[in-house]
């Protein structure tokens, strides 16, 4: 039997400003309200109203009348009200169904930001209880356990309610760790080592080099390793990892993935929310897809195998409910693009062979050329000099050897860490930050069409920077970078905190921007699939991390990807249906065959 169509009304209370909209423009515009029915009720003058969803006819007139874009009338494509697990309040976010934890299994969670992933984890951690939409009369544990009768969740919640499950949560935003944790890395690890695995976790994550480093001096990748190591050392029954790959290179991501899989093999419940599809595929046994409308409602799919779940996500179609949740299909090519001849007049800049020393580290850069209307991907392990290279091109750093001048170039730079972008003025509004980057861009129709609206920045104008999630703050940083009038745009790790859905949207935005603006983009990132999707050419970094790095000249994608992955010792196979790259198990038959052929990423043709 088909599920009945439902709608919910979501009011973002922080955006609602009755005193600035003509005192409840939504109520004045609502045809049902004007007919005498109390659809929009004002409980307290000057405060956000409450909308009766049963009386709302879903016409959307109130949405159009709201100048602050605070109202959303959302038609739910699939769920029954019986599937409603949690709602934050009247006209607030609603979550339908939950992922199902299973012992000895890594459960992957895949979906865009603000779609309910964190809410799900909080419920499964016991921080929130399922309320089934009954905010005034929340259910007790016996009702909750009875609701999930016949499923694995019944046993899980029974154990949780009895205090028999201890949950450890690895947070998403590792760059805030130095504000909450102080001391030397080795001391922090010993403090939290409840399972006597101190030496084991150091070896598994390769942490020896920074054991004597103060936490406040760690890089983003080192902070990520520390967070994952601390979670692993704690003695618990349930382990939750929120974006464990951020700031890590591909090889380090695999280290973390193996560590997480170890927990499952030890009989633990393990849940992982991750946006790098290759890594999520590699470490997950089953996957739940989240779909719906960000900030309004989220629906959790039934469990899929890892392969089927990611393929369904790429297709944008959830077959068990017969729901298409994205209009387009994400496609891949199995053929690498080689370097093509480019007319001399399209050369934007020629940079010379350069050398830069920073403490004991030395970066060696081969000479190269950057062309107009092209996107250059920069790949390599952590601590190998990629950010140093970008800062040399930006003119922030000067080479010790080699003469490179940026005076004739207009350059726009997005730093790796969001703290550098925000600075100390975190109370500044998004729209004012954009105006600071370029006062004219905000009124430019071209910029609105190709950057602001596709990134969804127009919905964030009135927010202060400190109010934004990591993903939205990253989008604002990207938008500010692209707002400046420049010849060369340098973006360092733009996918950090960006969800899987938005990564592909961002890839299209950046490619279109390079083509339409006639400019050049250089993008540093660790998501191999994203870099492959976005790049025309690759600049590959090799060497010994923290000691010496070597930057290649720009290479064709096939040559560049093979060189990069050969250096890391990693091969990718191709999914037979979607052609998406999937990481081979080291030493497997396919891994050995591809290494013999020298084809680490693209299928030989």
Protein backbone atom coordinates (compact mmCIF):
# COMPACT_ATOMS: atom_id res chain seq x y z
CA UNK A 1 0.00 0.00 0.00
CA UNK A 2 1.32 3.47 -0.90
CA UNK A 3 2.22 5.80 1.97
CA UNK A 4 -0.12 8.78 2.25
CA UNK A 5 1.38 12.10 1.23
CA UNK A 6 2.11 14.35 4.19
CA UNK A 7 3.51 17.83 4.67
CA UNK A 8 5.21 19.58 7.53
CA UNK A 9 5.77 23.27 8.16
CA UNK A 10 9.18 24.31 9.44
CA UNK A 11 9.82 27.74 10.93
CA UNK A 12 13.46 28.70 11.53
CA UNK A 13 12.89 30.77 14.66
CA UNK A 14 16.27 32.49 14.58
CA UNK A 15 15.40 33.95 11.17
CA UNK A 16 11.86 35.07 12.07
CA UNK A 17 11.76 38.86 12.64
CA UNK A 18 8.12 39.98 13.05
CA UNK A 19 9.06 43.58 13.81
CA UNK A 20 10.88 43.89 10.47
CA UNK A 21 8.43 42.13 8.16
CA UNK A 22 5.37 44.28 8.72
CA UNK A 23 4.25 42.30 11.78
CA UNK A 24 3.61 38.75 10.64
CA UNK A 25 3.49 39.06 6.85
CA UNK A 26 2.98 35.28 6.70
CA UNK A 27 -0.27 35.48 8.66
CA UNK A 28 -1.53 38.44 6.64
CA UNK A 29 -0.88 36.59 3.36
CA UNK A 30 -2.30 33.17 4.32
CA UNK A 31 -5.63 32.61 2.46
CA UNK A 32 -6.91 30.11 5.06
CA UNK A 33 -6.13 32.54 7.88
CA UNK A 34 -7.96 35.30 6.04
CA UNK A 35 -10.94 32.97 5.68
CA UNK A 36 -11.23 32.88 9.47
CA UNK A 37 -9.30 29.75 10.47
CA UNK A 38 -6.39 30.09 12.92
CA UNK A 39 -3.61 28.54 10.88
CA UNK A 40 -0.91 30.92 12.13
CA UNK A 41 -1.24 31.64 15.84
CA UNK A 42 0.68 34.35 17.70
CA UNK A 43 1.40 33.09 21.20
CA UNK A 44 3.54 36.06 22.23
CA UNK A 45 3.64 39.38 20.39
CA UNK A 46 6.95 39.96 18.63
CA UNK A 47 7.91 36.28 18.89
CA UNK A 48 7.79 33.57 16.17
CA UNK A 49 4.27 32.23 15.61
CA UNK A 50 3.08 28.61 15.67
CA UNK A 51 1.62 27.16 12.46
CA UNK A 52 -1.11 24.51 12.60
CA UNK A 53 0.06 21.86 10.11
CA UNK A 54 -3.34 20.17 9.99
CA UNK A 55 -5.06 23.35 8.73
CA UNK A 56 -2.21 24.34 6.37
CA UNK A 57 -3.15 23.61 2.73
CA UNK A 58 0.45 23.78 1.51
CA UNK A 59 -0.10 26.63 -0.96
CA UNK A 60 3.27 28.25 -0.15
CA UNK A 61 1.95 31.83 -0.16
CA UNK A 62 3.28 32.41 3.36
CA UNK A 63 6.71 31.19 2.22
CA UNK A 64 6.76 33.81 -0.53
CA UNK A 65 5.58 36.52 1.86
CA UNK A 66 8.41 35.89 4.35
CA UNK A 67 11.23 38.29 3.50
CA UNK A 68 13.66 36.48 5.78
CA UNK A 69 13.15 32.99 4.29
CA UNK A 70 12.28 31.58 7.69
CA UNK A 71 9.30 29.48 6.53
CA UNK A 72 9.31 26.18 4.65
CA UNK A 73 6.29 24.12 3.66
CA UNK A 74 7.69 20.70 2.84
CA UNK A 75 5.88 17.85 1.12
CA UNK A 76 7.22 14.56 2.46
CA UNK A 77 7.92 12.10 -0.37
CA UNK A 78 7.88 8.82 1.54
CA UNK A 79 7.43 8.51 5.30
CA UNK A 80 4.32 7.61 7.21
CA UNK A 81 3.61 9.45 10.44
CA UNK A 82 4.10 6.07 12.11
CA UNK A 83 7.76 6.35 11.10
CA UNK A 84 8.26 9.64 12.97
CA UNK A 85 10.93 8.97 15.62
CA UNK A 86 11.82 12.43 16.86
CA UNK A 87 10.79 16.04 16.49
CA UNK A 88 12.41 19.00 18.24
CA UNK A 89 9.15 20.92 18.70
CA UNK A 90 6.19 22.48 16.85
CA UNK A 91 7.25 23.53 13.34
CA UNK A 92 10.74 22.15 13.97
CA UNK A 93 12.98 19.52 12.39
CA UNK A 94 11.55 15.99 12.16
CA UNK A 95 13.42 12.69 11.87
CA UNK A 96 11.82 9.58 10.39
CA UNK A 97 13.30 6.17 11.30
CA UNK A 98 16.75 5.40 12.70
CA UNK A 99 19.88 3.58 11.55
CA UNK A 100 20.17 0.13 13.09
CA UNK A 101 23.32 -0.60 15.12
CA UNK A 102 24.55 -4.18 14.86
CA UNK A 103 27.32 -5.77 16.91
CA UNK A 104 30.48 -6.69 14.97
CA UNK A 105 29.30 -4.46 12.11
CA UNK A 106 30.38 -1.05 10.85
CA UNK A 107 27.23 0.89 10.03
CA UNK A 108 27.87 3.73 7.59
CA UNK A 109 25.74 6.88 7.61
CA UNK A 110 25.51 8.84 4.35
CA UNK A 111 23.64 12.06 3.69
CA UNK A 112 23.86 15.83 3.48
CA UNK A 113 24.38 18.09 6.48
CA UNK A 114 21.36 19.16 8.59
CA UNK A 115 19.45 16.05 7.53
CA UNK A 116 19.38 14.29 10.93
CA UNK A 117 22.64 12.33 11.16
CA UNK A 118 23.75 14.02 14.38
CA UNK A 119 20.24 13.75 15.81
CA UNK A 120 20.28 10.00 15.12
CA UNK A 121 23.63 9.58 16.83
CA UNK A 122 22.43 11.57 19.86
CA UNK A 123 19.37 9.32 20.13
CA UNK A 124 21.46 6.15 19.85
CA UNK A 125 23.88 7.59 22.42
CA UNK A 126 21.03 8.21 24.88
CA UNK A 127 21.49 12.00 24.83
CA UNK A 128 18.05 12.39 23.24
CA UNK A 129 15.11 10.02 23.57
CA UNK A 130 12.70 9.19 20.74
CA UNK A 131 9.55 11.26 21.30
CA UNK A 132 7.54 10.16 18.22
CA UNK A 133 6.43 13.77 17.78
CA UNK A 134 4.87 13.87 21.28
CA UNK A 135 6.70 16.88 22.68
CA UNK A 136 4.10 17.57 25.40
CA UNK A 137 3.77 13.94 26.49
CA UNK A 138 7.05 12.19 25.70
CA UNK A 139 7.06 8.39 25.91
CA UNK A 140 8.79 6.50 28.72
CA UNK A 141 11.40 3.83 28.06
CA UNK A 142 8.88 0.96 28.10
CA UNK A 143 6.90 2.62 25.29
CA UNK A 144 10.07 3.26 23.29
CA UNK A 145 11.22 -0.34 23.64
CA UNK A 146 7.75 -1.62 22.69
CA UNK A 147 7.67 0.65 19.61
CA UNK A 148 10.78 -1.07 18.21
CA UNK A 149 9.52 -4.57 19.03
CA UNK A 150 10.79 -7.19 16.59
CA UNK A 151 13.85 -5.24 15.46
CA UNK A 152 17.47 -5.01 16.63
CA UNK A 153 16.64 -1.56 18.00
CA UNK A 154 14.41 -3.14 20.66
CA UNK A 155 17.38 -4.98 22.19
CA UNK A 156 19.62 -1.95 21.74
CA UNK A 157 17.28 0.49 23.51
CA UNK A 158 16.54 -2.01 26.28
CA UNK A 159 20.25 -2.26 27.05
CA UNK A 160 20.64 1.52 26.72
CA UNK A 161 17.75 2.19 29.12
CA UNK A 162 19.27 -0.20 31.69
CA UNK A 163 22.64 1.57 31.54
CA UNK A 164 24.32 -1.46 29.99
CA UNK A 165 25.69 0.38 26.95
CA UNK A 166 28.53 2.89 27.22
CA UNK A 167 28.85 5.16 24.18
CA UNK A 168 31.96 6.99 22.93
CA UNK A 169 31.56 9.73 20.34
CA UNK A 170 34.39 11.09 18.15
CA UNK A 171 33.32 14.68 17.28
CA UNK A 172 33.20 16.18 13.81
CA UNK A 173 35.12 19.40 14.47
CA UNK A 174 38.60 18.35 15.55
CA UNK A 175 40.04 21.88 15.19
CA UNK A 176 38.33 22.86 18.47
CA UNK A 177 40.19 20.16 20.43
CA UNK A 178 43.07 22.50 21.51
CA UNK A 179 40.47 24.74 23.19
CA UNK A 180 39.24 21.83 25.34
CA UNK A 181 42.30 19.59 25.72
CA UNK A 182 45.77 20.69 26.77
CA UNK A 183 49.11 18.98 27.29
CA UNK A 184 51.54 16.75 25.43
CA UNK A 185 50.04 14.16 23.04
CA UNK A 186 51.56 11.17 24.86
CA UNK A 187 50.15 12.41 28.18
CA UNK A 188 46.66 12.84 26.67
CA UNK A 189 46.73 9.32 25.23
CA UNK A 190 47.84 7.77 28.52
CA UNK A 191 45.15 9.70 30.40
CA UNK A 192 42.38 8.17 28.27
CA UNK A 193 43.90 4.70 27.81
CA UNK A 194 41.25 2.56 29.52
CA UNK A 195 42.01 -0.61 27.53
CA UNK A 196 45.81 -0.78 27.79
CA UNK A 197 46.29 -0.24 24.05
CA UNK A 198 48.55 2.83 24.17
CA UNK A 199 51.43 1.37 22.13
CA UNK A 200 49.09 -0.45 19.73
CA UNK A 201 47.15 2.66 18.73
CA UNK A 202 50.37 4.65 18.22
CA UNK A 203 51.64 2.02 15.78
CA UNK A 204 48.32 1.64 13.97
CA UNK A 205 47.92 5.39 13.36
CA UNK A 206 51.61 6.25 12.92
CA UNK A 207 51.70 8.79 15.77
CA UNK A 208 55.33 8.41 16.95
CA UNK A 209 56.53 11.61 15.27
CA UNK A 210 54.27 13.92 17.28
CA UNK A 211 53.98 12.13 20.64
CA UNK A 212 56.07 14.85 22.33
CA UNK A 213 54.16 17.72 20.68
CA UNK A 214 51.80 19.98 22.59
CA UNK A 215 48.18 19.57 21.46
CA UNK A 216 47.92 23.29 20.62
CA UNK A 217 50.68 22.89 18.01
CA UNK A 218 49.13 19.94 16.13
CA UNK A 219 48.05 20.14 12.49
CA UNK A 220 44.50 19.29 11.44
CA UNK A 221 45.51 15.76 10.40
CA UNK A 222 47.34 15.17 13.68
CA UNK A 223 44.31 16.40 15.65
CA UNK A 224 42.12 13.97 13.71
CA UNK A 225 44.43 11.08 14.57
CA UNK A 226 44.48 12.12 18.22
CA UNK A 227 40.66 12.23 18.36
CA UNK A 228 40.33 8.79 16.74
CA UNK A 229 43.05 7.34 18.98
CA UNK A 230 41.39 8.63 22.17
CA UNK A 231 38.05 7.14 21.08
CA UNK A 232 39.73 3.79 20.38
CA UNK A 233 41.46 3.76 23.78
CA UNK A 234 38.21 4.32 25.72
CA UNK A 235 36.42 1.23 27.00
CA UNK A 236 32.89 1.25 25.59
CA UNK A 237 30.23 -0.84 23.87
CA UNK A 238 29.25 1.65 21.15
CA UNK A 239 31.68 3.78 19.13
CA UNK A 240 30.50 6.66 16.93
CA UNK A 241 32.82 8.45 14.52
CA UNK A 242 31.71 11.70 12.90
CA UNK A 243 33.80 12.47 9.78
CA UNK A 244 36.96 10.60 10.81
CA UNK A 245 38.79 11.38 7.54
CA UNK A 246 38.83 15.21 7.56
CA UNK A 247 42.34 16.70 7.11
CA UNK A 248 43.88 13.26 6.46
CA UNK A 249 45.49 12.12 3.22
CA UNK A 250 44.36 8.92 1.49
CA UNK A 251 46.93 6.66 3.16
CA UNK A 252 46.12 8.05 6.61
CA UNK A 253 42.40 7.69 5.95
CA UNK A 254 42.99 4.00 5.33
CA UNK A 255 44.86 3.72 8.64
CA UNK A 256 41.88 5.21 10.47
CA UNK A 257 39.44 3.01 8.52
CA UNK A 258 41.35 -0.13 9.59
CA UNK A 259 41.33 1.06 13.21
CA UNK A 260 37.56 1.52 13.09
CA UNK A 261 37.09 -1.91 11.54
CA UNK A 262 39.17 -3.39 14.38
CA UNK A 263 36.54 -2.16 16.85
CA UNK A 264 33.79 -3.99 14.98
CA UNK A 265 35.88 -7.18 14.90
CA UNK A 266 36.20 -6.87 18.68
CA UNK A 267 32.41 -7.23 18.94
CA UNK A 268 31.53 -3.55 19.33
CA UNK A 269 28.69 -1.51 17.84
CA UNK A 270 30.28 0.96 15.39
CA UNK A 271 28.58 3.82 13.52
CA UNK A 272 30.41 6.13 11.10
CA UNK A 273 29.17 9.31 9.42
CA UNK A 274 31.54 10.03 6.53
CA UNK A 275 31.47 12.10 3.32
CA UNK A 276 34.42 10.53 1.50
CA UNK A 277 32.58 7.86 -0.47
CA UNK A 278 35.69 5.77 -1.21
CA UNK A 279 36.56 5.55 2.50
CA UNK A 280 32.94 4.96 3.57
CA UNK A 281 32.71 2.13 1.05
CA UNK A 282 36.01 0.65 2.28
CA UNK A 283 35.14 0.55 5.98
CA UNK A 284 31.35 -0.04 6.05
CA UNK A 285 29.50 -3.35 6.16
CA UNK A 286 26.08 -1.73 5.71
CA UNK A 287 24.98 1.82 4.88
CA UNK A 288 21.89 3.91 5.66
CA UNK A 289 21.11 6.77 3.27
CA UNK A 290 19.59 9.96 4.68
CA UNK A 291 17.40 12.07 2.40
CA UNK A 292 14.75 14.78 2.76
CA UNK A 293 15.19 18.53 3.05
CA UNK A 294 18.07 19.98 5.03
CA UNK A 295 16.90 21.73 8.19
CA UNK A 296 13.31 20.54 7.74
CA UNK A 297 13.14 16.75 7.89
CA UNK A 298 15.25 13.66 7.34
CA UNK A 299 14.31 10.11 6.36
CA UNK A 300 16.57 7.15 7.09
CA UNK A 301 16.58 4.42 4.47
CA UNK A 302 16.59 0.71 5.31
CA UNK A 303 20.11 -0.78 5.47
CA UNK A 304 21.90 -1.46 2.19
CA UNK A 305 25.13 -3.29 1.55
CA UNK A 306 27.99 -0.76 1.23
CA UNK A 307 28.12 -1.12 -2.56
CA UNK A 308 24.36 -0.90 -3.10
CA UNK A 309 23.99 2.02 -0.68
CA UNK A 310 26.62 4.21 -2.32
CA UNK A 311 25.36 3.34 -5.80
CA UNK A 312 21.83 4.32 -4.74
CA UNK A 313 23.20 7.61 -3.38
CA UNK A 314 25.01 8.34 -6.67
CA UNK A 315 21.85 7.55 -8.62
CA UNK A 316 19.74 9.72 -6.29
CA UNK A 317 17.11 7.00 -6.01
CA UNK A 318 15.95 5.06 -2.94
CA UNK A 319 14.40 1.94 -4.45
CA UNK A 320 12.74 0.45 -1.36
CA UNK A 321 10.47 3.51 -1.05
CA UNK A 322 10.50 4.32 -4.79
CA UNK A 323 11.74 7.86 -4.06
CA UNK A 324 14.01 10.00 -6.23
CA UNK A 325 15.75 12.41 -3.85
CA UNK A 326 18.04 14.10 -6.39
CA UNK A 327 17.26 15.24 -9.93
CA UNK A 328 20.64 14.28 -11.41
CA UNK A 329 22.84 11.18 -11.39
CA UNK A 330 26.53 11.43 -10.42
CA UNK A 331 28.64 9.73 -13.11
CA UNK A 332 32.30 8.76 -13.42
CA UNK A 333 34.65 8.03 -16.29
CA UNK A 334 37.10 5.12 -16.26
CA UNK A 335 39.38 6.81 -18.79
CA UNK A 336 42.07 9.22 -17.63
CA UNK A 337 42.65 12.43 -19.58
CA UNK A 338 46.16 13.01 -20.87
CA UNK A 339 47.97 16.35 -21.15
CA UNK A 340 46.85 18.15 -24.33
CA UNK A 341 48.56 20.91 -26.25
CA UNK A 342 47.34 24.30 -25.06
CA UNK A 343 47.76 27.52 -27.08
CA UNK A 344 50.41 29.87 -25.69
CA UNK A 345 47.88 32.70 -25.38
CA UNK A 346 45.99 30.69 -22.73
CA UNK A 347 48.97 30.60 -20.37
CA UNK A 348 48.11 32.60 -17.24
CA UNK A 349 51.41 32.29 -15.43
CA UNK A 350 54.72 30.48 -15.66
CA UNK A 351 56.32 29.78 -12.31
CA UNK A 352 60.01 28.83 -12.04
CA UNK A 353 61.79 26.03 -10.22
CA UNK A 354 61.68 27.05 -6.56
CA UNK A 355 62.90 25.97 -3.17
CA UNK A 356 61.52 26.92 0.25
CA UNK A 357 62.82 25.94 3.68
CA UNK A 358 60.63 26.03 6.77
CA UNK A 359 62.57 24.83 9.80
CA UNK A 360 63.85 21.33 9.05
CA UNK A 361 61.44 20.94 6.11
CA UNK A 362 62.44 21.76 2.53
CA UNK A 363 60.06 22.05 -0.44
CA UNK A 364 61.34 21.66 -4.01
CA UNK A 365 59.02 22.89 -6.78
CA UNK A 366 59.45 21.95 -10.43
CA UNK A 367 58.74 24.74 -12.92
CA UNK A 368 55.29 24.76 -14.49
CA UNK A 369 52.58 26.65 -16.32
CA UNK A 370 48.98 27.37 -15.34
CA UNK A 371 46.41 27.87 -18.10
CA UNK A 372 43.25 29.94 -18.18
CA UNK A 373 39.86 28.24 -17.77
CA UNK A 374 41.48 25.19 -16.19
CA UNK A 375 41.20 23.50 -12.79
CA UNK A 376 44.39 22.08 -11.25
CA UNK A 377 44.15 19.42 -8.56
CA UNK A 378 46.96 19.23 -5.99
CA UNK A 379 47.47 15.83 -4.36
CA UNK A 380 49.94 14.32 -1.91
CA UNK A 381 50.30 13.12 1.68
CA UNK A 382 50.09 15.43 4.68
CA UNK A 383 53.13 17.50 5.75
CA UNK A 384 54.63 17.28 2.24
CA UNK A 385 54.41 21.00 1.34
CA UNK A 386 51.09 21.43 -0.51
CA UNK A 387 49.94 24.40 1.58
CA UNK A 388 53.46 25.89 1.41
CA UNK A 389 53.28 25.62 -2.41
CA UNK A 390 49.90 27.36 -2.46
CA UNK A 391 51.24 30.17 -0.25
CA UNK A 392 54.22 30.58 -2.60
CA UNK A 393 51.86 30.99 -5.55
CA UNK A 394 49.75 33.43 -3.51
CA UNK A 395 52.80 35.52 -2.63
CA UNK A 396 52.24 34.95 1.10
CA UNK A 397 55.62 33.20 1.27
CA UNK A 398 58.73 34.07 -0.74
CA UNK A 399 60.95 31.32 -2.20
CA UNK A 400 64.50 30.94 -0.90
CA UNK A 401 65.60 29.96 -4.41
CA UNK A 402 63.90 30.92 -7.67
CA UNK A 403 62.39 34.24 -8.62
CA UNK A 404 58.59 34.37 -8.66
CA UNK A 405 56.65 37.62 -8.86
CA UNK A 406 52.89 37.93 -8.31
CA UNK A 407 52.55 41.70 -8.86
CA UNK A 408 50.93 41.29 -12.29
CA UNK A 409 48.46 38.72 -10.97
CA UNK A 410 45.30 39.20 -8.96
CA UNK A 411 45.10 36.24 -6.59
CA UNK A 412 42.35 35.07 -4.24
CA UNK A 413 43.19 32.54 -1.53
CA UNK A 414 40.98 30.36 0.71
CA UNK A 415 43.07 29.05 3.61
CA UNK A 416 43.05 25.45 4.82
CA UNK A 417 41.78 26.18 8.32
CA UNK A 418 38.48 27.98 8.82
CA UNK A 419 39.88 29.75 11.88
CA UNK A 420 42.20 31.69 9.55
CA UNK A 421 39.20 32.75 7.47
CA UNK A 422 37.04 33.81 10.43
CA UNK A 423 39.77 35.52 12.45
CA UNK A 424 38.68 37.17 15.70
CA UNK A 425 35.52 38.77 14.28
CA UNK A 426 33.25 35.73 14.50
CA UNK A 427 30.22 37.93 15.27
CA UNK A 428 30.29 39.40 11.73
CA UNK A 429 27.28 38.54 9.55
CA UNK A 430 27.74 36.43 6.42
CA UNK A 431 26.53 39.21 4.12
CA UNK A 432 29.03 41.65 5.65
CA UNK A 433 31.86 39.16 5.23
CA UNK A 434 30.95 38.83 1.55
CA UNK A 435 30.86 42.60 1.16
CA UNK A 436 34.28 42.77 2.78
CA UNK A 437 35.58 40.40 0.09
CA UNK A 438 33.94 42.40 -2.70
CA UNK A 439 31.30 45.12 -2.06
CA UNK A 440 29.96 44.78 -5.60
CA UNK A 441 29.75 40.98 -5.83
CA UNK A 442 26.63 40.68 -3.71
CA UNK A 443 24.63 42.62 -6.34
CA UNK A 444 26.25 40.93 -9.32
CA UNK A 445 23.71 38.75 -11.13
CA UNK A 446 26.42 36.46 -12.57
CA UNK A 447 27.91 35.82 -9.11
CA UNK A 448 24.42 35.24 -7.68
CA UNK A 449 23.64 32.71 -10.42
CA UNK A 450 26.87 30.70 -10.41
CA UNK A 451 28.05 30.96 -6.80
CA UNK A 452 25.61 32.34 -4.20
CA UNK A 453 22.46 30.38 -5.06
CA UNK A 454 24.11 27.04 -5.96
CA UNK A 455 26.02 27.12 -2.64
CA UNK A 456 22.89 28.16 -0.74
CA UNK A 457 24.65 31.23 0.72
CA UNK A 458 21.57 33.44 0.21
CA UNK A 459 19.88 31.52 3.05
CA UNK A 460 22.74 32.39 5.41
CA UNK A 461 23.06 36.16 4.84
CA UNK A 462 21.73 37.20 8.27
CA UNK A 463 23.66 34.60 10.28
CA UNK A 464 26.79 35.50 12.20
CA UNK A 465 29.87 33.43 11.37
CA UNK A 466 29.92 31.92 14.87
CA UNK A 467 26.39 30.56 14.36
CA UNK A 468 27.31 28.50 11.29
CA UNK A 469 28.07 24.79 11.12
CA UNK A 470 31.47 23.76 9.78
CA UNK A 471 29.96 22.89 6.39
CA UNK A 472 28.16 26.22 5.99
CA UNK A 473 31.21 28.13 7.19
CA UNK A 474 33.29 26.33 4.56
CA UNK A 475 30.78 27.35 1.88
CA UNK A 476 30.98 30.99 2.98
CA UNK A 477 34.79 30.84 2.86
CA UNK A 478 34.60 29.46 -0.70
CA UNK A 479 32.05 32.11 -1.71
CA UNK A 480 34.27 34.89 -0.32
CA UNK A 481 37.25 33.52 -2.22
CA UNK A 482 35.28 33.44 -5.49
CA UNK A 483 33.77 36.90 -4.83
CA UNK A 484 37.11 38.64 -5.30
CA UNK A 485 38.14 39.78 -8.75
CA UNK A 486 41.15 37.61 -9.55
CA UNK A 487 43.02 35.73 -12.26
CA UNK A 488 44.06 32.84 -10.01
CA UNK A 489 41.91 31.28 -7.27
CA UNK A 490 43.64 29.07 -4.70
CA UNK A 491 41.44 26.83 -2.54
CA UNK A 492 43.05 24.72 0.19
CA UNK A 493 40.89 21.73 1.27
CA UNK A 494 37.48 23.12 0.25
CA UNK A 495 35.65 19.83 0.99
CA UNK A 496 36.49 19.76 4.72
CA UNK A 497 33.13 19.53 6.60
CA UNK A 498 31.23 19.62 3.27
CA UNK A 499 28.80 16.70 2.98
CA UNK A 500 28.90 14.14 0.17
CA UNK A 501 25.88 15.66 -1.61
CA UNK A 502 27.35 19.15 -1.61
CA UNK A 503 30.81 17.98 -2.69
CA UNK A 504 29.46 17.10 -6.12
CA UNK A 505 27.51 20.35 -6.27
CA UNK A 506 30.70 22.20 -5.31
CA UNK A 507 32.68 20.37 -8.02
CA UNK A 508 30.21 21.56 -10.67
CA UNK A 509 30.26 25.11 -9.27
CA UNK A 510 34.07 25.32 -9.40
CA UNK A 511 34.32 23.87 -12.89
CA UNK A 512 31.61 26.20 -14.19
CA UNK A 513 33.27 29.16 -12.44
CA UNK A 514 36.63 28.49 -14.13
CA UNK A 515 34.98 28.17 -17.54
CA UNK A 516 32.58 31.11 -17.30
CA UNK A 517 34.94 33.56 -15.57
CA UNK A 518 37.94 32.71 -17.74
CA UNK A 519 40.09 32.32 -14.61
CA UNK A 520 42.30 29.54 -13.24
CA UNK A 521 41.55 27.45 -10.15
CA UNK A 522 44.05 25.45 -8.11
CA UNK A 523 42.46 23.09 -5.57
CA UNK A 524 44.20 21.15 -2.80
CA UNK A 525 42.15 18.25 -1.43
CA UNK A 526 42.39 14.71 -0.05
CA UNK A 527 39.11 13.36 -1.49
CA UNK A 528 40.46 11.42 -4.48
CA UNK A 529 37.06 11.08 -6.17
CA UNK A 530 36.41 14.83 -5.82
CA UNK A 531 39.84 15.72 -7.24
CA UNK A 532 39.34 13.33 -10.16
CA UNK A 533 35.90 14.79 -10.87
CA UNK A 534 36.99 18.44 -10.78
CA UNK A 535 40.50 18.52 -12.26
CA UNK A 536 41.87 19.07 -15.76
CA UNK A 537 45.46 18.50 -14.59
CA UNK A 538 47.20 17.25 -11.44
CA UNK A 539 50.22 18.51 -9.51
CA UNK A 540 51.64 15.59 -7.51
CA UNK A 541 53.65 15.89 -4.30
CA UNK A 542 56.13 13.21 -3.28
CA UNK A 543 59.01 12.95 -0.80
CA UNK A 544 59.30 12.36 2.92
CA UNK A 545 56.66 14.12 5.06
CA UNK A 546 58.05 16.76 7.43
CA UNK A 547 61.52 16.37 5.87
CA UNK A 548 61.44 17.07 2.14
CA UNK A 549 58.73 17.50 -0.49
CA UNK A 550 58.85 17.55 -4.29
CA UNK A 551 56.10 19.16 -6.40
CA UNK A 552 55.78 17.88 -9.97
CA UNK A 553 54.96 20.05 -12.93
CA UNK A 554 51.26 19.88 -13.97
CA UNK A 555 50.52 16.39 -15.33
CA UNK A 556 47.71 14.78 -17.30
CA UNK A 557 45.16 13.11 -15.04
CA UNK A 558 46.07 9.53 -15.89
CA UNK A 559 49.80 10.08 -15.44
CA UNK A 560 49.27 12.18 -12.33
CA UNK A 561 46.87 9.81 -10.58
CA UNK A 562 49.03 6.76 -11.30
CA UNK A 563 52.11 8.55 -10.00
CA UNK A 564 50.33 9.73 -6.85
CA UNK A 565 48.78 6.38 -5.95
CA UNK A 566 51.96 4.46 -6.79
CA UNK A 567 53.76 6.66 -4.25
CA UNK A 568 51.10 5.73 -1.65
CA UNK A 569 50.92 2.06 -2.71
CA UNK A 570 47.11 2.16 -3.17
CA UNK A 571 45.01 0.94 -6.12
CA UNK A 572 41.35 1.51 -7.02
CA UNK A 573 39.05 -0.83 -8.94
CA UNK A 574 35.88 0.29 -10.74
CA UNK A 575 32.30 -0.50 -9.84
CA UNK A 576 30.75 -2.38 -12.74
CA UNK A 577 27.52 -0.33 -12.69
CA UNK A 578 28.58 3.25 -11.86
CA UNK A 579 32.33 3.15 -12.71
CA UNK A 580 32.98 4.84 -9.37
CA UNK A 581 36.43 4.10 -7.91
CA UNK A 582 36.61 1.62 -5.04
CA UNK A 583 39.73 1.01 -2.94
CA UNK A 584 41.31 -2.42 -3.37
CA UNK A 585 42.33 -4.36 -0.31
CA UNK A 586 46.17 -4.23 -0.14
CA UNK A 587 47.66 -7.46 -1.45
CA UNK A 588 44.40 -8.61 -3.06
CA UNK A 589 44.40 -10.19 -6.52
CA UNK A 590 43.17 -7.00 -8.20
CA UNK A 591 45.65 -4.90 -6.24
CA UNK A 592 48.55 -7.07 -7.48
CA UNK A 593 47.34 -7.15 -11.09
CA UNK A 594 46.84 -3.37 -11.31
CA UNK A 595 50.24 -2.66 -9.77
CA UNK A 596 51.87 -4.96 -12.33
CA UNK A 597 50.10 -3.06 -15.13
CA UNK A 598 50.89 0.34 -13.61
CA UNK A 599 47.16 1.21 -13.62
CA UNK A 600 46.41 2.44 -10.11
CA UNK A 601 43.19 4.35 -10.78
CA UNK A 602 41.95 4.31 -14.38
CA UNK A 603 41.06 1.14 -16.26
CA UNK A 604 43.53 0.43 -19.03
CA UNK A 605 41.99 0.93 -22.49
